[in-house]
C-alpha atoms as a PDB file:
ATOM      1  CA  UNK A   1     370.949 133.472  60.300  1.00  0.00           C
ATOM      2  CA  UNK A   2     370.963 129.753  59.723  1.00  0.00           C
ATOM      3  CA  UNK A   3     372.424 127.023  61.935  1.00  0.00           C
ATOM      4  CA  UNK A   4     375.864 126.986  60.250  1.00  0.00           C
ATOM      5  CA  UNK A   5     376.185 130.765  60.463  1.00  0.00           C
ATOM      6  CA  UNK A   6     375.244 130.634  64.137  1.00  0.00           C
ATOM      7  CA  UNK A   7     378.029 128.088  64.721  1.00  0.00           C
ATOM      8  CA  UNK A   8     380.532 130.431  63.053  1.00  0.00           C
ATOM      9  CA  UNK A   9     379.322 133.336  65.206  1.00  0.00           C
ATOM     10  CA  UNK A  10     379.698 131.193  68.341  1.00  0.00           C
ATOM     11  CA  UNK A  11     383.165 130.053  67.240  1.00  0.00           C
ATOM     12  CA  UNK A  12     384.305 133.671  66.862  1.00  0.00           C
ATOM     13  CA  UNK A  13     383.386 134.387  70.481  1.00  0.00           C
ATOM     14  CA  UNK A  14     384.514 131.024  71.919  1.00  0.00           C
ATOM     15  CA  UNK A  15     387.190 130.937  74.610  1.00  0.00           C
ATOM     16  CA  UNK A  16     389.752 129.552  74.259  1.00  0.00           C
ATOM     17  CA  UNK A  17     389.949 130.844  70.715  1.00  0.00           C
ATOM     18  CA  UNK A  18     389.615 128.269  67.965  1.00  0.00           C
ATOM     19  CA  UNK A  19     391.873 128.098  64.912  1.00  0.00           C
ATOM     20  CA  UNK A  20     389.490 126.488  62.436  1.00  0.00           C
ATOM     21  CA  UNK A  21     387.269 129.383  61.318  1.00  0.00           C
ATOM     22  CA  UNK A  22     387.199 129.641  57.535  1.00  0.00           C
ATOM     23  CA  UNK A  23     387.376 132.997  55.774  1.00  0.00           C
ATOM     24  CA  UNK A  24     384.498 132.197  53.403  1.00  0.00           C
ATOM     25  CA  UNK A  25     382.288 131.307  56.373  1.00  0.00           C
ATOM     26  CA  UNK A  26     382.935 134.723  57.947  1.00  0.00           C
ATOM     27  CA  UNK A  27     381.969 136.481  54.712  1.00  0.00           C
ATOM     28  CA  UNK A  28     378.749 134.450  54.622  1.00  0.00           C
ATOM     29  CA  UNK A  29     378.063 135.373  58.265  1.00  0.00           C
ATOM     30  CA  UNK A  30     378.560 139.100  57.625  1.00  0.00           C
ATOM     31  CA  UNK A  31     376.125 138.964  54.704  1.00  0.00           C
ATOM     32  CA  UNK A  32     373.596 136.955  56.750  1.00  0.00           C
ATOM     33  CA  UNK A  33     373.457 139.622  59.472  1.00  0.00           C
ATOM     34  CA  UNK A  34     372.723 142.292  56.877  1.00  0.00           C
ATOM     35  CA  UNK A  35     376.251 143.520  56.278  1.00  0.00           C
ATOM     36  CA  UNK A  36     378.356 143.800  53.174  1.00  0.00           C
ATOM     37  CA  UNK A  37     381.779 142.456  52.265  1.00  0.00           C
ATOM     38  CA  UNK A  38     383.587 144.468  49.601  1.00  0.00           C
ATOM     39  CA  UNK A  39     386.915 143.336  48.181  1.00  0.00           C
ATOM     40  CA  UNK A  40     389.576 146.022  48.288  1.00  0.00           C
ATOM     41  CA  UNK A  41     393.027 146.141  46.699  1.00  0.00           C
ATOM     42  CA  UNK A  42     395.874 143.970  48.027  1.00  0.00           C
ATOM     43  CA  UNK A  43     393.679 141.077  49.230  1.00  0.00           C
ATOM     44  CA  UNK A  44     391.830 143.312  51.662  1.00  0.00           C
ATOM     45  CA  UNK A  45     388.126 143.196  52.444  1.00  0.00           C
ATOM     46  CA  UNK A  46     385.913 145.872  53.939  1.00  0.00           C
ATOM     47  CA  UNK A  47     383.062 144.694  56.158  1.00  0.00           C
ATOM     48  CA  UNK A  48     380.198 147.132  56.763  1.00  0.00           C
ATOM     49  CA  UNK A  49     377.564 146.427  59.431  1.00  0.00           C
ATOM     50  CA  UNK A  50     375.289 148.924  61.217  1.00  0.00           C
ATOM     51  CA  UNK A  51     377.235 151.955  59.916  1.00  0.00           C
ATOM     52  CA  UNK A  52     380.547 150.531  61.186  1.00  0.00           C
ATOM     53  CA  UNK A  53     383.393 149.350  58.971  1.00  0.00           C
ATOM     54  CA  UNK A  54     386.305 146.980  59.342  1.00  0.00           C
ATOM     55  CA  UNK A  55     389.151 146.747  56.821  1.00  0.00           C
ATOM     56  CA  UNK A  56     390.963 143.435  57.090  1.00  0.00           C
ATOM     57  CA  UNK A  57     393.237 141.309  54.931  1.00  0.00           C
ATOM     58  CA  UNK A  58     392.067 137.872  53.940  1.00  0.00           C
ATOM     59  CA  UNK A  59     394.259 135.034  55.197  1.00  0.00           C
ATOM     60  CA  UNK A  60     396.670 133.523  52.702  1.00  0.00           C
ATOM     61  CA  UNK A  61     397.808 131.051  51.629  1.00  0.00           C
ATOM     62  CA  UNK A  62     395.631 129.087  54.061  1.00  0.00           C
ATOM     63  CA  UNK A  63     391.858 129.599  54.361  1.00  0.00           C
ATOM     64  CA  UNK A  64     391.617 129.694  58.171  1.00  0.00           C
ATOM     65  CA  UNK A  65     391.632 132.967  60.069  1.00  0.00           C
ATOM     66  CA  UNK A  66     394.594 133.879  62.197  1.00  0.00           C
ATOM     67  CA  UNK A  67     394.153 134.819  65.871  1.00  0.00           C
ATOM     68  CA  UNK A  68     394.498 138.567  65.266  1.00  0.00           C
ATOM     69  CA  UNK A  69     391.829 138.378  62.554  1.00  0.00           C
ATOM     70  CA  UNK A  70     389.412 136.563  64.859  1.00  0.00           C
ATOM     71  CA  UNK A  71     390.005 139.195  67.551  1.00  0.00           C
ATOM     72  CA  UNK A  72     389.387 142.020  65.074  1.00  0.00           C
ATOM     73  CA  UNK A  73     386.152 140.456  63.811  1.00  0.00           C
ATOM     74  CA  UNK A  74     385.026 139.735  67.379  1.00  0.00           C
ATOM     75  CA  UNK A  75     385.525 143.384  68.382  1.00  0.00           C
ATOM     76  CA  UNK A  76     383.836 144.571  65.190  1.00  0.00           C
ATOM     77  CA  UNK A  77     380.724 142.433  65.786  1.00  0.00           C
ATOM     78  CA  UNK A  78     380.606 143.537  69.440  1.00  0.00           C
ATOM     79  CA  UNK A  79     380.819 147.238  68.497  1.00  0.00           C
ATOM     80  CA  UNK A  80     378.174 146.709  65.804  1.00  0.00           C
ATOM     81  CA  UNK A  81     375.942 145.230  68.525  1.00  0.00           C
ATOM     82  CA  UNK A  82     375.386 141.964  66.683  1.00  0.00           C
ATOM     83  CA  UNK A  83     373.873 139.508  69.129  1.00  0.00           C
ATOM     84  CA  UNK A  84     371.791 136.867  67.341  1.00  0.00           C
END
């Protein structure tokens, strides 16, 4: 994980929650920690990390994640025991 990916990881777990996390940065983070991001139908993406999966819709029309998406990714990374 490089410095930028570490900043994204920290932003996901920051309190109070930030609103400026970009979708493309999250996909890059998932791939950097050894996971996969597979595009599904209807703008959905499936993240797979450590035998766990998360199906989530990409934000649109904007590129920033919404609060519920950040919470879902935060819980997913916690359950996958990702702690860089």
